[in-house]
PDB file of N, CA and C in Angstrom:
ATOM      1  N   MET A   1      87.406 114.054 139.370  1.00  0.00           N
ATOM      2  CA  MET A   1      86.640 113.112 140.139  1.00  0.00           C
ATOM      3  C   MET A   1      87.478 111.846 140.279  1.00  0.00           C
ATOM      4  N   PHE A   2      87.531 111.290 141.475  1.00  0.00           N
ATOM      5  CA  PHE A   2      88.280 110.066 141.735  1.00  0.00           C
ATOM      6  C   PHE A   2      87.316 108.930 142.032  1.00  0.00           C
ATOM      7  N   ASP A   3      87.586 107.763 141.470  1.00  0.00           N
ATOM      8  CA  ASP A   3      86.844 106.549 141.805  1.00  0.00           C
ATOM      9  C   ASP A   3      87.855 105.594 142.427  1.00  0.00           C
ATOM     10  N   PHE A   4      87.768 105.435 143.751  1.00  0.00           N
ATOM     11  CA  PHE A   4      88.707 104.576 144.459  1.00  0.00           C
ATOM     12  C   PHE A   4      88.242 103.130 144.535  1.00  0.00           C
ATOM     13  N   VAL A   5      87.115 102.812 143.895  1.00  0.00           N
ATOM     14  CA  VAL A   5      86.582 101.450 143.915  1.00  0.00           C
ATOM     15  C   VAL A   5      86.787 100.792 142.559  1.00  0.00           C
ATOM     16  N   GLY A   6      86.290 101.426 141.510  1.00  0.00           N
ATOM     17  CA  GLY A   6      86.451 100.877 140.167  1.00  0.00           C
ATOM     18  C   GLY A   6      85.464  99.784 139.820  1.00  0.00           C
ATOM     19  N   ALA A   7      84.425  99.609 140.619  1.00  0.00           N
ATOM     20  CA  ALA A   7      83.383  98.626 140.314  1.00  0.00           C
ATOM     21  C   ALA A   7      82.373  99.271 139.362  1.00  0.00           C
ATOM     22  N   GLN A   8      81.600  98.455 138.686  1.00  0.00           N
ATOM     23  CA  GLN A   8      80.671  98.979 137.688  1.00  0.00           C
ATOM     24  C   GLN A   8      79.712 100.039 138.236  1.00  0.00           C
ATOM     25  N   PRO A   9      79.107  99.824 139.414  1.00  0.00           N
ATOM     26  CA  PRO A   9      78.186 100.862 139.908  1.00  0.00           C
ATOM     27  C   PRO A   9      78.868 102.206 140.162  1.00  0.00           C
ATOM     28  N   THR A  10      80.100 102.185 140.696  1.00  0.00           N
ATOM     29  CA  THR A  10      80.773 103.458 140.977  1.00  0.00           C
ATOM     30  C   THR A  10      81.244 104.131 139.693  1.00  0.00           C
ATOM     31  N   LEU A  11      81.649 103.342 138.701  1.00  0.00           N
ATOM     32  CA  LEU A  11      82.041 103.931 137.414  1.00  0.00           C
ATOM     33  C   LEU A  11      80.828 104.540 136.707  1.00  0.00           C
ATOM     34  N   ASP A  12      79.678 103.884 136.816  1.00  0.00           N
ATOM     35  CA  ASP A  12      78.452 104.434 136.221  1.00  0.00           C
ATOM     36  C   ASP A  12      78.101 105.771 136.868  1.00  0.00           C
ATOM     37  N   ILE A  13      78.246 105.852 138.194  1.00  0.00           N
ATOM     38  CA  ILE A  13      77.969 107.111 138.897  1.00  0.00           C
ATOM     39  C   ILE A  13      78.966 108.184 138.449  1.00  0.00           C
ATOM     40  N   ALA A  14      80.228 107.826 138.337  1.00  0.00           N
ATOM     41  CA  ALA A  14      81.247 108.787 137.913  1.00  0.00           C
ATOM     42  C   ALA A  14      80.929 109.329 136.519  1.00  0.00           C
ATOM     43  N   ARG A  15      80.540 108.443 135.605  1.00  0.00           N
ATOM     44  CA  ARG A  15      80.210 108.882 134.244  1.00  0.00           C
ATOM     45  C   ARG A  15      79.017 109.835 134.247  1.00  0.00           C
ATOM     46  N   GLU A  16      78.014 109.537 135.061  1.00  0.00           N
ATOM     47  CA  GLU A  16      76.828 110.395 135.126  1.00  0.00           C
ATOM     48  C   GLU A  16      77.119 111.733 135.807  1.00  0.00           C
ATOM     49  N   ALA A  17      78.039 111.742 136.758  1.00  0.00           N
ATOM     50  CA  ALA A  17      78.328 112.956 137.515  1.00  0.00           C
ATOM     51  C   ALA A  17      79.393 113.831 136.860  1.00  0.00           C
ATOM     52  N   ALA A  18      80.126 113.292 135.917  1.00  0.00           N
ATOM     53  CA  ALA A  18      81.232 114.037 135.295  1.00  0.00           C
ATOM     54  C   ALA A  18      80.709 115.192 134.453  1.00  0.00           C
ATOM     55  N   ALA A  19      81.476 116.252 134.450  1.00  0.00           N
ATOM     56  CA  ALA A  19      81.101 117.453 133.700  1.00  0.00           C
ATOM     57  C   ALA A  19      81.843 117.503 132.368  1.00  0.00           C
ATOM     58  N   ILE A  20      81.389 118.370 131.488  1.00  0.00           N
ATOM     59  CA  ILE A  20      82.098 118.618 130.237  1.00  0.00           C
ATOM     60  C   ILE A  20      83.514 119.065 130.588  1.00  0.00           C
ATOM     61  N   ASP A  21      84.483 118.536 129.863  1.00  0.00           N
ATOM     62  CA  ASP A  21      85.909 118.813 130.081  1.00  0.00           C
ATOM     63  C   ASP A  21      86.409 118.344 131.443  1.00  0.00           C
ATOM     64  N   GLY A  22      85.673 117.468 132.113  1.00  0.00           N
ATOM     65  CA  GLY A  22      86.088 116.945 133.413  1.00  0.00           C
ATOM     66  C   GLY A  22      87.093 115.819 133.275  1.00  0.00           C
ATOM     67  N   ILE A  23      87.540 115.313 134.411  1.00  0.00           N
ATOM     68  CA  ILE A  23      88.493 114.201 134.455  1.00  0.00           C
ATOM     69  C   ILE A  23      87.983 113.173 135.454  1.00  0.00           C
ATOM     70  N   ILE A  24      88.002 111.918 135.057  1.00  0.00           N
ATOM     71  CA  ILE A  24      87.722 110.818 135.984  1.00  0.00           C
ATOM     72  C   ILE A  24      89.030 110.048 136.158  1.00  0.00           C
ATOM     73  N   GLN A  25      89.479 109.944 137.392  1.00  0.00           N
ATOM     74  CA  GLN A  25      90.664 109.160 137.736  1.00  0.00           C
ATOM     75  C   GLN A  25      90.163 107.851 138.342  1.00  0.00           C
ATOM     76  N   ILE A  26      90.368 106.743 137.650  1.00  0.00           N
ATOM     77  CA  ILE A  26      89.943 105.435 138.165  1.00  0.00           C
ATOM     78  C   ILE A  26      91.121 104.831 138.909  1.00  0.00           C
ATOM     79  N   VAL A  27      91.053 104.891 140.232  1.00  0.00           N
ATOM     80  CA  VAL A  27      92.139 104.391 141.068  1.00  0.00           C
ATOM     81  C   VAL A  27      91.874 102.936 141.470  1.00  0.00           C
ATOM     82  N   GLY A  28      90.627 102.629 141.807  1.00  0.00           N
ATOM     83  CA  GLY A  28      90.279 101.276 142.224  1.00  0.00           C
ATOM     84  C   GLY A  28      90.244 100.314 141.043  1.00  0.00           C
ATOM     85  N   ILE A  29      90.491  99.053 141.320  1.00  0.00           N
ATOM     86  CA  ILE A  29      90.473  98.041 140.255  1.00  0.00           C
ATOM     87  C   ILE A  29      89.414  96.986 140.573  1.00  0.00           C
ATOM     88  N   GLY A  30      88.177  97.481 140.743  1.00  0.00           N
ATOM     89  CA  GLY A  30      87.070  96.621 141.123  1.00  0.00           C
ATOM     90  C   GLY A  30      86.427  95.860 139.975  1.00  0.00           C
ATOM     91  N   GLY A  31      87.017  95.900 138.785  1.00  0.00           N
ATOM     92  CA  GLY A  31      86.525  95.089 137.680  1.00  0.00           C
ATOM     93  C   GLY A  31      85.503  95.748 136.782  1.00  0.00           C
ATOM     94  N   GLY A  32      85.180  97.008 137.029  1.00  0.00           N
ATOM     95  CA  GLY A  32      84.219  97.696 136.176  1.00  0.00           C
ATOM     96  C   GLY A  32      84.846  98.177 134.872  1.00  0.00           C
ATOM     97  N   VAL A  33      83.992  98.571 133.940  1.00  0.00           N
ATOM     98  CA  VAL A  33      84.428  99.059 132.636  1.00  0.00           C
ATOM     99  C   VAL A  33      83.767 100.407 132.383  1.00  0.00           C
ATOM    100  N   LEU A  34      84.535 101.375 131.906  1.00  0.00           N
ATOM    101  CA  LEU A  34      84.009 102.691 131.584  1.00  0.00           C
ATOM    102  C   LEU A  34      84.279 102.976 130.113  1.00  0.00           C
ATOM    103  N   PRO A  35      83.264 102.792 129.254  1.00  0.00           N
ATOM    104  CA  PRO A  35      83.451 103.110 127.837  1.00  0.00           C
ATOM    105  C   PRO A  35      83.729 104.605 127.675  1.00  0.00           C
ATOM    106  N   THR A  36      84.585 104.949 126.751  1.00  0.00           N
ATOM    107  CA  THR A  36      84.894 106.353 126.499  1.00  0.00           C
ATOM    108  C   THR A  36      84.658 106.671 125.032  1.00  0.00           C
ATOM    109  N   GLY A  37      84.581 107.943 124.749  1.00  0.00           N
ATOM    110  CA  GLY A  37      84.403 108.385 123.374  1.00  0.00           C
ATOM    111  C   GLY A  37      83.067 109.073 123.188  1.00  0.00           C
ATOM    112  N   PHE A  38      82.788 109.428 121.934  1.00  0.00           N
ATOM    113  CA  PHE A  38      81.541 110.121 121.612  1.00  0.00           C
ATOM    114  C   PHE A  38      80.336 109.314 122.062  1.00  0.00           C
ATOM    115  N   PHE A  39      79.363 109.991 122.620  1.00  0.00           N
ATOM    116  CA  PHE A  39      78.082 109.436 123.055  1.00  0.00           C
ATOM    117  C   PHE A  39      78.173 108.537 124.289  1.00  0.00           C
ATOM    118  N   SER A  40      79.363 108.347 124.861  1.00  0.00           N
ATOM    119  CA  SER A  40      79.455 107.539 126.075  1.00  0.00           C
ATOM    120  C   SER A  40      79.977 108.339 127.265  1.00  0.00           C
ATOM    121  N   THR A  41      80.656 109.453 127.016  1.00  0.00           N
ATOM    122  CA  THR A  41      81.133 110.336 128.076  1.00  0.00           C
ATOM    123  C   THR A  41      80.883 111.780 127.656  1.00  0.00           C
ATOM    124  N   PRO A  42      80.832 112.705 128.623  1.00  0.00           N
ATOM    125  CA  PRO A  42      80.628 114.110 128.267  1.00  0.00           C
ATOM    126  C   PRO A  42      81.736 114.632 127.350  1.00  0.00           C
ATOM    127  N   PHE A  43      81.416 115.636 126.554  1.00  0.00           N
ATOM    128  CA  PHE A  43      82.351 116.218 125.605  1.00  0.00           C
ATOM    129  C   PHE A  43      83.636 116.663 126.309  1.00  0.00           C
ATOM    130  N   GLY A  44      84.768 116.265 125.785  1.00  0.00           N
ATOM    131  CA  GLY A  44      86.061 116.696 126.294  1.00  0.00           C
ATOM    132  C   GLY A  44      86.505 116.053 127.585  1.00  0.00           C
ATOM    133  N   MET A  45      85.756 115.096 128.085  1.00  0.00           N
ATOM    134  CA  MET A  45      86.116 114.465 129.344  1.00  0.00           C
ATOM    135  C   MET A  45      87.304 113.529 129.159  1.00  0.00           C
ATOM    136  N   ALA A  46      88.207 113.516 130.136  1.00  0.00           N
ATOM    137  CA  ALA A  46      89.356 112.618 130.121  1.00  0.00           C
ATOM    138  C   ALA A  46      89.154 111.526 131.166  1.00  0.00           C
ATOM    139  N   VAL A  47      89.573 110.328 130.823  1.00  0.00           N
ATOM    140  CA  VAL A  47      89.524 109.201 131.759  1.00  0.00           C
ATOM    141  C   VAL A  47      90.946 108.689 131.911  1.00  0.00           C
ATOM    142  N   GLN A  48      91.402 108.609 133.162  1.00  0.00           N
ATOM    143  CA  GLN A  48      92.744 108.128 133.436  1.00  0.00           C
ATOM    144  C   GLN A  48      92.658 106.992 134.438  1.00  0.00           C
ATOM    145  N   ALA A  49      93.494 105.971 134.244  1.00  0.00           N
ATOM    146  CA  ALA A  49      93.493 104.818 135.143  1.00  0.00           C
ATOM    147  C   ALA A  49      94.929 104.474 135.530  1.00  0.00           C
ATOM    148  N   PRO A  50      95.514 105.283 136.417  1.00  0.00           N
ATOM    149  CA  PRO A  50      96.887 104.985 136.834  1.00  0.00           C
ATOM    150  C   PRO A  50      96.889 103.786 137.779  1.00  0.00           C
ATOM    151  N   TYR A  51      97.781 102.851 137.546  1.00  0.00           N
ATOM    152  CA  TYR A  51      97.854 101.689 138.434  1.00  0.00           C
ATOM    153  C   TYR A  51      98.670 102.001 139.682  1.00  0.00           C
ATOM    154  N   TRP A  52      99.675 102.815 139.547  1.00  0.00           N
ATOM    155  CA  TRP A  52     100.446 103.274 140.698  1.00  0.00           C
ATOM    156  C   TRP A  52     101.334 104.414 140.240  1.00  0.00           C
ATOM    157  N   GLY A  53     101.917 105.084 141.195  1.00  0.00           N
ATOM    158  CA  GLY A  53     102.777 106.211 140.871  1.00  0.00           C
ATOM    159  C   GLY A  53     104.239 105.799 140.860  1.00  0.00           C
ATOM    160  N   SER A  54     105.074 106.792 140.889  1.00  0.00           N
ATOM    161  CA  SER A  54     106.518 106.549 140.886  1.00  0.00           C
ATOM    162  C   SER A  54     106.995 106.217 142.303  1.00  0.00           C
ATOM    163  N   ARG A  55     108.227 105.778 142.397  1.00  0.00           N
ATOM    164  CA  ARG A  55     108.811 105.465 143.710  1.00  0.00           C
ATOM    165  C   ARG A  55     108.838 106.724 144.588  1.00  0.00           C
ATOM    166  N   SER A  56     109.184 107.861 144.008  1.00  0.00           N
ATOM    167  CA  SER A  56     109.238 109.094 144.804  1.00  0.00           C
ATOM    168  C   SER A  56     107.834 109.480 145.300  1.00  0.00           C
ATOM    169  N   GLU A  57     106.801 109.254 144.486  1.00  0.00           N
ATOM    170  CA  GLU A  57     105.430 109.534 144.925  1.00  0.00           C
ATOM    171  C   GLU A  57     105.021 108.602 146.062  1.00  0.00           C
ATOM    172  N   LEU A  58     105.441 107.346 145.975  1.00  0.00           N
ATOM    173  CA  LEU A  58     105.155 106.399 147.058  1.00  0.00           C
ATOM    174  C   LEU A  58     105.815 106.867 148.353  1.00  0.00           C
ATOM    175  N   MET A  59     107.053 107.346 148.261  1.00  0.00           N
ATOM    176  CA  MET A  59     107.751 107.846 149.447  1.00  0.00           C
ATOM    177  C   MET A  59     107.009 109.050 150.041  1.00  0.00           C
ATOM    178  N   GLU A  60     106.452 109.920 149.179  1.00  0.00           N
ATOM    179  CA  GLU A  60     105.685 111.068 149.653  1.00  0.00           C
ATOM    180  C   GLU A  60     104.433 110.617 150.394  1.00  0.00           C
ATOM    181  N   VAL A  61     103.742 109.616 149.853  1.00  0.00           N
ATOM    182  CA  VAL A  61     102.524 109.111 150.496  1.00  0.00           C
ATOM    183  C   VAL A  61     102.860 108.478 151.841  1.00  0.00           C
ATOM    184  N   LEU A  62     103.947 107.717 151.904  1.00  0.00           N
ATOM    185  CA  LEU A  62     104.349 107.110 153.172  1.00  0.00           C
ATOM    186  C   LEU A  62     104.697 108.178 154.204  1.00  0.00           C
ATOM    187  N   GLU A  63     105.336 109.254 153.771  1.00  0.00           N
ATOM    188  CA  GLU A  63     105.659 110.353 154.679  1.00  0.00           C
ATOM    189  C   GLU A  63     104.386 111.021 155.199  1.00  0.00           C
ATOM    190  N   LEU A  64     103.404 111.209 154.321  1.00  0.00           N
ATOM    191  CA  LEU A  64     102.115 111.754 154.763  1.00  0.00           C
ATOM    192  C   LEU A  64     101.485 110.859 155.824  1.00  0.00           C
ATOM    193  N   ALA A  65     101.542 109.542 155.610  1.00  0.00           N
ATOM    194  CA  ALA A  65     100.979 108.599 156.576  1.00  0.00           C
ATOM    195  C   ALA A  65     101.734 108.667 157.896  1.00  0.00           C
ATOM    196  N   ARG A  66     103.071 108.733 157.836  1.00  0.00           N
ATOM    197  CA  ARG A  66     103.866 108.845 159.068  1.00  0.00           C
ATOM    198  C   ARG A  66     103.494 110.082 159.874  1.00  0.00           C
ATOM    199  N   ASN A  67     103.146 111.149 159.173  1.00  0.00           N
ATOM    200  CA  ASN A  67     102.788 112.397 159.836  1.00  0.00           C
ATOM    201  C   ASN A  67     101.315 112.465 160.225  1.00  0.00           C
ATOM    202  N   GLY A  68     100.596 111.361 160.038  1.00  0.00           N
ATOM    203  CA  GLY A  68      99.195 111.301 160.428  1.00  0.00           C
ATOM    204  C   GLY A  68      98.253 112.057 159.506  1.00  0.00           C
ATOM    205  N   LEU A  69      98.707 112.373 158.294  1.00  0.00           N
ATOM    206  CA  LEU A  69      97.879 113.129 157.361  1.00  0.00           C
ATOM    207  C   LEU A  69      97.064 112.235 156.431  1.00  0.00           C
ATOM    208  N   VAL A  70      97.332 110.931 156.454  1.00  0.00           N
ATOM    209  CA  VAL A  70      96.564 109.957 155.678  1.00  0.00           C
ATOM    210  C   VAL A  70      96.063 108.909 156.665  1.00  0.00           C
ATOM    211  N   THR A  71      94.780 108.680 156.652  1.00  0.00           N
ATOM    212  CA  THR A  71      94.227 107.657 157.536  1.00  0.00           C
ATOM    213  C   THR A  71      93.411 106.672 156.710  1.00  0.00           C
ATOM    214  N   VAL A  72      93.385 105.453 157.179  1.00  0.00           N
ATOM    215  CA  VAL A  72      92.609 104.402 156.525  1.00  0.00           C
ATOM    216  C   VAL A  72      91.587 103.898 157.533  1.00  0.00           C
ATOM    217  N   HIS A  73      90.343 103.931 157.154  1.00  0.00           N
ATOM    218  CA  HIS A  73      89.275 103.442 158.018  1.00  0.00           C
ATOM    219  C   HIS A  73      88.964 102.007 157.606  1.00  0.00           C
ATOM    220  N   VAL A  74      89.063 101.094 158.556  1.00  0.00           N
ATOM    221  CA  VAL A  74      88.898  99.673 158.278  1.00  0.00           C
ATOM    222  C   VAL A  74      87.820  99.104 159.185  1.00  0.00           C
ATOM    223  N   GLU A  75      86.956  98.305 158.592  1.00  0.00           N
ATOM    224  CA  GLU A  75      85.976  97.552 159.370  1.00  0.00           C
ATOM    225  C   GLU A  75      86.327  96.082 159.202  1.00  0.00           C
ATOM    226  N   GLU A  76      86.706  95.448 160.297  1.00  0.00           N
ATOM    227  CA  GLU A  76      87.150  94.055 160.232  1.00  0.00           C
ATOM    228  C   GLU A  76      85.987  93.091 160.426  1.00  0.00           C
ATOM    229  N   PHE A  77      86.078  91.957 159.726  1.00  0.00           N
ATOM    230  CA  PHE A  77      85.096  90.881 159.829  1.00  0.00           C
ATOM    231  C   PHE A  77      85.852  89.579 160.039  1.00  0.00           C
ATOM    232  N   THR A  78      85.277  88.686 160.839  1.00  0.00           N
ATOM    233  CA  THR A  78      85.862  87.352 160.965  1.00  0.00           C
ATOM    234  C   THR A  78      85.511  86.545 159.723  1.00  0.00           C
ATOM    235  N   LEU A  79      86.150  85.415 159.569  1.00  0.00           N
ATOM    236  CA  LEU A  79      85.863  84.553 158.425  1.00  0.00           C
ATOM    237  C   LEU A  79      84.400  84.117 158.431  1.00  0.00           C
ATOM    238  N   ASP A  80      83.857  83.854 159.624  1.00  0.00           N
ATOM    239  CA  ASP A  80      82.448  83.468 159.727  1.00  0.00           C
ATOM    240  C   ASP A  80      81.511  84.607 159.328  1.00  0.00           C
ATOM    241  N   GLN A  81      81.960  85.846 159.478  1.00  0.00           N
ATOM    242  CA  GLN A  81      81.148  87.005 159.127  1.00  0.00           C
ATOM    243  C   GLN A  81      81.307  87.418 157.663  1.00  0.00           C
ATOM    244  N   SER A  82      82.132  86.724 156.907  1.00  0.00           N
ATOM    245  CA  SER A  82      82.405  87.149 155.529  1.00  0.00           C
ATOM    246  C   SER A  82      81.156  87.212 154.648  1.00  0.00           C
ATOM    247  N   PRO A  83      80.187  86.284 154.761  1.00  0.00           N
ATOM    248  CA  PRO A  83      78.969  86.473 153.958  1.00  0.00           C
ATOM    249  C   PRO A  83      78.252  87.787 154.283  1.00  0.00           C
ATOM    250  N   LYS A  84      78.229  88.155 155.576  1.00  0.00           N
ATOM    251  CA  LYS A  84      77.631  89.424 155.979  1.00  0.00           C
ATOM    252  C   LYS A  84      78.424  90.597 155.391  1.00  0.00           C
ATOM    253  N   ALA A  85      79.744  90.485 155.391  1.00  0.00           N
ATOM    254  CA  ALA A  85      80.589  91.553 154.843  1.00  0.00           C
ATOM    255  C   ALA A  85      80.302  91.750 153.354  1.00  0.00           C
ATOM    256  N   TYR A  86      80.216  90.656 152.612  1.00  0.00           N
ATOM    257  CA  TYR A  86      79.930  90.763 151.171  1.00  0.00           C
ATOM    258  C   TYR A  86      78.519  91.293 150.925  1.00  0.00           C
ATOM    259  N   ALA A  87      77.577  90.907 151.755  1.00  0.00           N
ATOM    260  CA  ALA A  87      76.209  91.425 151.604  1.00  0.00           C
ATOM    261  C   ALA A  87      76.185  92.931 151.849  1.00  0.00           C
ATOM    262  N   ARG A  88      76.894  93.387 152.868  1.00  0.00           N
ATOM    263  CA  ARG A  88      76.955  94.829 153.145  1.00  0.00           C
ATOM    264  C   ARG A  88      77.709  95.579 152.052  1.00  0.00           C
ATOM    265  N   LEU A  89      78.756  94.961 151.522  1.00  0.00           N
ATOM    266  CA  LEU A  89      79.491  95.575 150.413  1.00  0.00           C
ATOM    267  C   LEU A  89      78.570  95.747 149.213  1.00  0.00           C
ATOM    268  N   HIS A  90      77.814  94.701 148.903  1.00  0.00           N
ATOM    269  CA  HIS A  90      76.872  94.749 147.780  1.00  0.00           C
ATOM    270  C   HIS A  90      75.783  95.794 148.017  1.00  0.00           C
ATOM    271  N   ALA A  91      75.348  95.927 149.259  1.00  0.00           N
ATOM    272  CA  ALA A  91      74.290  96.890 149.596  1.00  0.00           C
ATOM    273  C   ALA A  91      74.829  98.320 149.723  1.00  0.00           C
ATOM    274  N   GLY A  92      76.162  98.457 149.759  1.00  0.00           N
ATOM    275  CA  GLY A  92      76.753  99.782 149.877  1.00  0.00           C
ATOM    276  C   GLY A  92      76.706 100.359 151.276  1.00  0.00           C
ATOM    277  N   THR A  93      76.658  99.493 152.294  1.00  0.00           N
ATOM    278  CA  THR A  93      76.541  99.989 153.667  1.00  0.00           C
ATOM    279  C   THR A  93      77.858  99.937 154.439  1.00  0.00           C
ATOM    280  N   ILE A  94      78.936  99.517 153.809  1.00  0.00           N
ATOM    281  CA  ILE A  94      80.248  99.583 154.452  1.00  0.00           C
ATOM    282  C   ILE A  94      80.814 100.965 154.147  1.00  0.00           C
ATOM    283  N   ARG A  95      81.084 101.730 155.184  1.00  0.00           N
ATOM    284  CA  ARG A  95      81.540 103.115 154.994  1.00  0.00           C
ATOM    285  C   ARG A  95      83.054 103.232 155.154  1.00  0.00           C
ATOM    286  N   SER A  96      83.734 102.137 154.996  1.00  0.00           N
ATOM    287  CA  SER A  96      85.181 102.126 155.106  1.00  0.00           C
ATOM    288  C   SER A  96      85.678 100.978 154.231  1.00  0.00           C
ATOM    289  N   ARG A  97      86.860 100.519 154.513  1.00  0.00           N
ATOM    290  CA  ARG A  97      87.395  99.349 153.807  1.00  0.00           C
ATOM    291  C   ARG A  97      87.051  98.132 154.635  1.00  0.00           C
ATOM    292  N   GLY A  98      86.346  97.185 154.033  1.00  0.00           N
ATOM    293  CA  GLY A  98      85.999  95.952 154.707  1.00  0.00           C
ATOM    294  C   GLY A  98      87.108  94.938 154.552  1.00  0.00           C
ATOM    295  N   VAL A  99      87.573  94.362 155.651  1.00  0.00           N
ATOM    296  CA  VAL A  99      88.668  93.398 155.622  1.00  0.00           C
ATOM    297  C   VAL A  99      88.226  92.158 156.375  1.00  0.00           C
ATOM    298  N   VAL A 100      88.311  91.002 155.703  1.00  0.00           N
ATOM    299  CA  VAL A 100      88.009  89.722 156.349  1.00  0.00           C
ATOM    300  C   VAL A 100      89.317  89.169 156.899  1.00  0.00           C
ATOM    301  N   VAL A 101      89.361  88.951 158.215  1.00  0.00           N
ATOM    302  CA  VAL A 101      90.551  88.462 158.881  1.00  0.00           C
ATOM    303  C   VAL A 101      90.306  87.027 159.315  1.00  0.00           C
ATOM    304  N   PRO A 102      91.075  86.076 158.754  1.00  0.00           N
ATOM    305  CA  PRO A 102      90.875  84.671 159.146  1.00  0.00           C
ATOM    306  C   PRO A 102      91.247  84.414 160.592  1.00  0.00           C
TER     307      PRO A 102
END
């Protein structure tokens, strides 16, 4: 299971959805905390939080993007719309990456 946000609500969902002997990969750095160990995660579950990969892995990802195999969905907001963007982020109604552009 991958968590690309890393905020407390998404980490809580990941912990609840994880299976015995499962793996949670925390990719996002949204400030959440996921306690591990007995009585806090399913038996045998692994939690990994890689901050980034190797240079060769980065080159592979860039090649995938060049070939159109990786896409990023972005919803842009003006600076004046930033309160609305944060409200939607909090409500969970942004279905892509929200970016405030000054």
